[in-house]
Amino acid sequence: MTLLGLGRYPHALDNINSSMGLSDVICLGMSVERDVPLALIHAQDENAWLRAAVQLQEAIVILDEVSEVSSEIYEKIAS
């Protein structure tokens, strides 16, 4: 089974690991400082935390210059 990240799996009927997740995530276009966390990772153990940290680091790009922030909504998911 392929882990999509932070407890999510590819099939709708698979269980979601609700003990994992993110909070206090920075917003797109925000200015960041070296010692300020980009997000808080919630995990059930250290190995899960490490996997999530790697995925988060791969997903975030920090630039030296300010980039234009789009106000577009890319996709709306609703039940």
Protein backbone atom coordinates (compact mmCIF):
# COMPACT_ATOMS: atom_id res chain seq x y z
CA MET A 1 0.00 0.00 0.00
CA THR A 2 1.32 3.44 -0.91
CA LEU A 3 1.31 6.12 1.74
CA LEU A 4 0.11 9.44 0.34
CA GLY A 5 1.23 11.30 3.41
CA LEU A 6 0.13 12.11 6.92
CA GLY A 7 -1.99 9.02 7.37
CA ARG A 8 -3.82 9.11 4.02
CA TYR A 9 -4.02 6.08 1.75
CA PRO A 10 -5.04 5.77 -1.92
CA HIS A 11 -8.38 3.99 -1.50
CA ALA A 12 -11.53 5.62 -0.14
CA LEU A 13 -12.36 2.60 2.00
CA ASP A 14 -8.95 2.44 3.69
CA ASN A 15 -8.68 3.65 7.26
CA ILE A 16 -7.40 7.14 7.93
CA ASN A 17 -4.86 7.44 10.72
CA SER A 18 -6.40 10.34 12.66
CA SER A 19 -3.47 10.47 15.07
CA MET A 20 -1.40 12.06 12.32
CA GLY A 21 -1.77 15.49 10.80
CA LEU A 22 -0.55 19.07 10.61
CA SER A 23 -1.47 22.21 12.49
CA ASP A 24 -0.16 25.78 12.58
CA VAL A 25 0.87 25.54 8.91
CA ILE A 26 2.30 28.70 7.36
CA CYS A 27 0.26 30.29 4.59
CA LEU A 28 1.35 30.65 0.99
CA GLY A 29 3.34 33.86 0.57
CA MET A 30 4.13 34.33 4.27
CA SER A 31 7.51 35.62 5.35
CA VAL A 32 9.42 33.07 7.45
CA GLU A 33 12.31 33.24 9.89
CA ARG A 34 15.01 30.62 10.36
CA ASP A 35 13.96 29.46 13.85
CA VAL A 36 10.17 29.66 13.34
CA PRO A 37 8.40 26.33 12.59
CA LEU A 38 6.66 26.03 9.20
CA ALA A 39 4.10 23.60 10.64
CA LEU A 40 3.49 21.39 13.65
CA ILE A 41 3.49 17.67 12.81
CA HIS A 42 1.29 15.35 14.89
CA ALA A 43 2.39 11.70 14.73
CA GLN A 44 1.91 8.49 16.69
CA ASP A 45 5.64 7.73 16.92
CA GLU A 46 9.04 9.09 15.94
CA ASN A 47 9.30 7.08 12.70
CA ALA A 48 5.93 8.40 11.51
CA TRP A 49 7.04 11.91 12.46
CA LEU A 50 10.26 11.53 10.48
CA ARG A 51 8.40 10.31 7.37
CA ALA A 52 5.96 13.21 7.61
CA ALA A 53 8.81 15.70 8.13
CA VAL A 54 10.56 14.51 4.96
CA GLN A 55 7.31 14.78 2.96
CA LEU A 56 6.65 18.26 4.33
CA GLN A 57 10.18 19.43 3.53
CA GLU A 58 9.80 18.13 -0.04
CA ALA A 59 6.46 19.94 -0.42
CA ILE A 60 7.55 23.41 0.76
CA VAL A 61 9.71 25.76 -1.31
CA ILE A 62 11.27 28.80 0.35
CA LEU A 63 12.46 31.59 -1.94
CA ASP A 64 14.66 34.59 -1.17
CA GLU A 65 12.32 36.90 -3.07
CA VAL A 66 8.61 37.48 -2.59
CA SER A 67 6.52 35.69 -5.17
CA GLU A 68 3.04 36.63 -6.31
CA VAL A 69 0.34 34.76 -4.41
CA SER A 70 -2.57 33.59 -6.51
CA SER A 71 -6.03 33.95 -5.02
CA GLU A 72 -7.40 31.17 -7.22
CA ILE A 73 -9.11 28.19 -5.68
CA TYR A 74 -7.52 25.17 -7.34
CA GLU A 75 -10.03 22.57 -6.25
CA LYS A 76 -12.98 22.40 -3.88
CA ILE A 77 -13.69 19.10 -2.20
CA ALA A 78 -17.06 18.73 -0.49
CA SER A 79 -19.24 15.88 0.64
